[in-house]
Amino acid sequence: MHFLQNKESPLENLKTIKSGHLKSSANEEFFSASLLLALVLLSLTA
């Protein structure tokens, strides 16, 4: 019940993060780089 009292739901937080993310090209580049790194690590361990 304590969690539900939070003024913003996790979904709202995610939307906020996404919209903020789209506004920032630096964040976009960072996200792409970390995604690429994750893929490389996955292929190495696979």
PDB file of N, CA and C in Angstrom:
ATOM      1  N   MET A   1       0.833  -1.200   0.000  1.00  0.00           N
ATOM      2  CA  MET A   1       0.000   0.000   0.000  1.00  0.00           C
ATOM      3  C   MET A   1       0.871   1.254   0.000  1.00  0.00           C
ATOM      4  N   HIS A   2       1.982   1.150   0.676  1.00  0.00           N
ATOM      5  CA  HIS A   2       2.906   2.289   0.769  1.00  0.00           C
ATOM      6  C   HIS A   2       3.355   2.742  -0.623  1.00  0.00           C
ATOM      7  N   PHE A   3       3.619   1.764  -1.462  1.00  0.00           N
ATOM      8  CA  PHE A   3       4.106   2.037  -2.814  1.00  0.00           C
ATOM      9  C   PHE A   3       3.065   2.770  -3.658  1.00  0.00           C
ATOM     10  N   LEU A   4       1.787   2.414  -3.452  1.00  0.00           N
ATOM     11  CA  LEU A   4       0.707   3.006  -4.236  1.00  0.00           C
ATOM     12  C   LEU A   4       0.494   4.487  -3.930  1.00  0.00           C
ATOM     13  N   GLN A   5       0.982   4.933  -2.783  1.00  0.00           N
ATOM     14  CA  GLN A   5       0.834   6.333  -2.402  1.00  0.00           C
ATOM     15  C   GLN A   5       1.791   7.232  -3.187  1.00  0.00           C
ATOM     16  N   ASN A   6       2.731   6.633  -3.869  1.00  0.00           N
ATOM     17  CA  ASN A   6       3.670   7.389  -4.693  1.00  0.00           C
ATOM     18  C   ASN A   6       2.898   8.190  -5.731  1.00  0.00           C
ATOM     19  N   LYS A   7       3.211   9.479  -5.857  1.00  0.00           N
ATOM     20  CA  LYS A   7       2.424  10.348  -6.739  1.00  0.00           C
ATOM     21  C   LYS A   7       2.576   9.978  -8.215  1.00  0.00           C
ATOM     22  N   GLU A   8       3.695   9.364  -8.559  1.00  0.00           N
ATOM     23  CA  GLU A   8       3.898   8.937  -9.949  1.00  0.00           C
ATOM     24  C   GLU A   8       4.076   7.427 -10.001  1.00  0.00           C
ATOM     25  N   SER A   9       3.319   6.783 -10.861  1.00  0.00           N
ATOM     26  CA  SER A   9       3.456   5.344 -11.028  1.00  0.00           C
ATOM     27  C   SER A   9       4.746   5.045 -11.796  1.00  0.00           C
ATOM     28  N   PRO A  10       5.253   3.826 -11.709  1.00  0.00           N
ATOM     29  CA  PRO A  10       6.449   3.453 -12.475  1.00  0.00           C
ATOM     30  C   PRO A  10       6.289   3.715 -13.974  1.00  0.00           C
ATOM     31  N   LEU A  11       5.057   3.528 -14.463  1.00  0.00           N
ATOM     32  CA  LEU A  11       4.793   3.756 -15.882  1.00  0.00           C
ATOM     33  C   LEU A  11       4.972   5.225 -16.231  1.00  0.00           C
ATOM     34  N   GLU A  12       4.477   6.102 -15.353  1.00  0.00           N
ATOM     35  CA  GLU A  12       4.645   7.536 -15.563  1.00  0.00           C
ATOM     36  C   GLU A  12       6.122   7.904 -15.525  1.00  0.00           C
ATOM     37  N   ASN A  13       6.842   7.306 -14.596  1.00  0.00           N
ATOM     38  CA  ASN A  13       8.277   7.554 -14.508  1.00  0.00           C
ATOM     39  C   ASN A  13       8.977   7.138 -15.791  1.00  0.00           C
ATOM     40  N   LEU A  14       8.566   5.999 -16.325  1.00  0.00           N
ATOM     41  CA  LEU A  14       9.150   5.492 -17.559  1.00  0.00           C
ATOM     42  C   LEU A  14       8.873   6.434 -18.720  1.00  0.00           C
ATOM     43  N   LYS A  15       7.644   6.955 -18.785  1.00  0.00           N
ATOM     44  CA  LYS A  15       7.278   7.911 -19.831  1.00  0.00           C
ATOM     45  C   LYS A  15       8.121   9.175 -19.724  1.00  0.00           C
ATOM     46  N   THR A  16       8.314   9.639 -18.493  1.00  0.00           N
ATOM     47  CA  THR A  16       9.115  10.839 -18.252  1.00  0.00           C
ATOM     48  C   THR A  16      10.548  10.611 -18.704  1.00  0.00           C
ATOM     49  N   ILE A  17      11.082   9.453 -18.344  1.00  0.00           N
ATOM     50  CA  ILE A  17      12.448   9.107 -18.737  1.00  0.00           C
ATOM     51  C   ILE A  17      12.553   9.032 -20.261  1.00  0.00           C
ATOM     52  N   LYS A  18      11.561   8.403 -20.887  1.00  0.00           N
ATOM     53  CA  LYS A  18      11.569   8.257 -22.338  1.00  0.00           C
ATOM     54  C   LYS A  18      11.503   9.600 -23.053  1.00  0.00           C
ATOM     55  N   SER A  19      10.604  10.484 -22.604  1.00  0.00           N
ATOM     56  CA  SER A  19      10.461  11.782 -23.254  1.00  0.00           C
ATOM     57  C   SER A  19      11.708  12.630 -23.035  1.00  0.00           C
ATOM     58  N   GLY A  20      12.285  12.535 -21.845  1.00  0.00           N
ATOM     59  CA  GLY A  20      13.521  13.254 -21.568  1.00  0.00           C
ATOM     60  C   GLY A  20      14.650  12.687 -22.412  1.00  0.00           C
ATOM     61  N   HIS A  21      14.628  11.370 -22.589  1.00  0.00           N
ATOM     62  CA  HIS A  21      15.637  10.660 -23.370  1.00  0.00           C
ATOM     63  C   HIS A  21      15.593  11.088 -24.835  1.00  0.00           C
ATOM     64  N   LEU A  22      14.387  11.238 -25.367  1.00  0.00           N
ATOM     65  CA  LEU A  22      14.232  11.625 -26.766  1.00  0.00           C
ATOM     66  C   LEU A  22      14.711  13.047 -27.025  1.00  0.00           C
ATOM     67  N   LYS A  23      14.624  13.898 -25.997  1.00  0.00           N
ATOM     68  CA  LYS A  23      15.043  15.286 -26.155  1.00  0.00           C
ATOM     69  C   LYS A  23      16.562  15.418 -26.196  1.00  0.00           C
ATOM     70  N   SER A  24      17.243  14.473 -25.595  1.00  0.00           N
ATOM     71  CA  SER A  24      18.692  14.588 -25.467  1.00  0.00           C
ATOM     72  C   SER A  24      19.426  13.630 -26.398  1.00  0.00           C
ATOM     73  N   SER A  25      20.143  14.186 -27.358  1.00  0.00           N
ATOM     74  CA  SER A  25      20.880  13.350 -28.303  1.00  0.00           C
ATOM     75  C   SER A  25      22.076  12.686 -27.630  1.00  0.00           C
ATOM     76  N   ALA A  26      22.611  13.332 -26.605  1.00  0.00           N
ATOM     77  CA  ALA A  26      23.728  12.746 -25.862  1.00  0.00           C
ATOM     78  C   ALA A  26      23.274  11.465 -25.168  1.00  0.00           C
ATOM     79  N   ASN A  27      22.080  11.515 -24.590  1.00  0.00           N
ATOM     80  CA  ASN A  27      21.512  10.327 -23.962  1.00  0.00           C
ATOM     81  C   ASN A  27      21.274   9.244 -25.002  1.00  0.00           C
ATOM     82  N   GLU A  28      20.807   9.656 -26.168  1.00  0.00           N
ATOM     83  CA  GLU A  28      20.533   8.727 -27.265  1.00  0.00           C
ATOM     84  C   GLU A  28      21.809   7.987 -27.654  1.00  0.00           C
ATOM     85  N   GLU A  29      22.897   8.728 -27.790  1.00  0.00           N
ATOM     86  CA  GLU A  29      24.178   8.123 -28.150  1.00  0.00           C
ATOM     87  C   GLU A  29      24.663   7.179 -27.063  1.00  0.00           C
ATOM     88  N   PHE A  30      24.506   7.613 -25.811  1.00  0.00           N
ATOM     89  CA  PHE A  30      24.928   6.782 -24.685  1.00  0.00           C
ATOM     90  C   PHE A  30      24.133   5.483 -24.644  1.00  0.00           C
ATOM     91  N   PHE A  31      22.829   5.587 -24.886  1.00  0.00           N
ATOM     92  CA  PHE A  31      21.956   4.420 -24.884  1.00  0.00           C
ATOM     93  C   PHE A  31      22.371   3.452 -25.988  1.00  0.00           C
ATOM     94  N   SER A  32      22.642   3.979 -27.180  1.00  0.00           N
ATOM     95  CA  SER A  32      23.058   3.146 -28.307  1.00  0.00           C
ATOM     96  C   SER A  32      24.373   2.445 -27.997  1.00  0.00           C
ATOM     97  N   ALA A  33      25.297   3.181 -27.398  1.00  0.00           N
ATOM     98  CA  ALA A  33      26.604   2.622 -27.066  1.00  0.00           C
ATOM     99  C   ALA A  33      26.481   1.501 -26.041  1.00  0.00           C
ATOM    100  N   SER A  34      25.668   1.718 -25.011  1.00  0.00           N
ATOM    101  CA  SER A  34      25.516   0.689 -23.986  1.00  0.00           C
ATOM    102  C   SER A  34      24.766  -0.522 -24.522  1.00  0.00           C
ATOM    103  N   LEU A  35      23.844  -0.280 -25.444  1.00  0.00           N
ATOM    104  CA  LEU A  35      23.113  -1.376 -26.064  1.00  0.00           C
ATOM    105  C   LEU A  35      24.069  -2.220 -26.913  1.00  0.00           C
ATOM    106  N   LEU A  36      24.923  -1.544 -27.656  1.00  0.00           N
ATOM    107  CA  LEU A  36      25.918  -2.219 -28.483  1.00  0.00           C
ATOM    108  C   LEU A  36      26.871  -3.033 -27.617  1.00  0.00           C
ATOM    109  N   LEU A  37      27.304  -2.429 -26.507  1.00  0.00           N
ATOM    110  CA  LEU A  37      28.198  -3.112 -25.580  1.00  0.00           C
ATOM    111  C   LEU A  37      27.540  -4.363 -25.009  1.00  0.00           C
ATOM    112  N   ALA A  38      26.255  -4.240 -24.682  1.00  0.00           N
ATOM    113  CA  ALA A  38      25.511  -5.382 -24.143  1.00  0.00           C
ATOM    114  C   ALA A  38      25.436  -6.512 -25.171  1.00  0.00           C
ATOM    115  N   LEU A  39      25.207  -6.152 -26.431  1.00  0.00           N
ATOM    116  CA  LEU A  39      25.136  -7.152 -27.498  1.00  0.00           C
ATOM    117  C   LEU A  39      26.474  -7.857 -27.689  1.00  0.00           C
ATOM    118  N   VAL A  40      27.549  -7.082 -27.637  1.00  0.00           N
ATOM    119  CA  VAL A  40      28.893  -7.651 -27.770  1.00  0.00           C
ATOM    120  C   VAL A  40      29.168  -8.628 -26.633  1.00  0.00           C
ATOM    121  N   LEU A  41      28.840  -8.210 -25.411  1.00  0.00           N
ATOM    122  CA  LEU A  41      29.052  -9.082 -24.254  1.00  0.00           C
ATOM    123  C   LEU A  41      28.227 -10.354 -24.359  1.00  0.00           C
ATOM    124  N   LEU A  42      27.002 -10.229 -24.854  1.00  0.00           N
ATOM    125  CA  LEU A  42      26.140 -11.397 -25.020  1.00  0.00           C
ATOM    126  C   LEU A  42      26.724 -12.368 -26.041  1.00  0.00           C
ATOM    127  N   SER A  43      27.230 -11.827 -27.134  1.00  0.00           N
ATOM    128  CA  SER A  43      27.780 -12.694 -28.178  1.00  0.00           C
ATOM    129  C   SER A  43      29.072 -13.371 -27.712  1.00  0.00           C
ATOM    130  N   LEU A  44      29.815 -12.693 -26.842  1.00  0.00           N
ATOM    131  CA  LEU A  44      31.045 -13.282 -26.314  1.00  0.00           C
ATOM    132  C   LEU A  44      30.751 -14.423 -25.341  1.00  0.00           C
ATOM    133  N   THR A  45      29.713 -14.254 -24.546  1.00  0.00           N
ATOM    134  CA  THR A  45      29.393 -15.276 -23.546  1.00  0.00           C
ATOM    135  C   THR A  45      28.566 -16.414 -24.132  1.00  0.00           C
ATOM    136  N   ALA A  46      27.903 -16.161 -25.242  1.00  0.00           N
ATOM    137  CA  ALA A  46      27.041 -17.180 -25.852  1.00  0.00           C
ATOM    138  C   ALA A  46      27.878 -18.340 -26.394  1.00  0.00           C
TER     139      ALA A  46
END
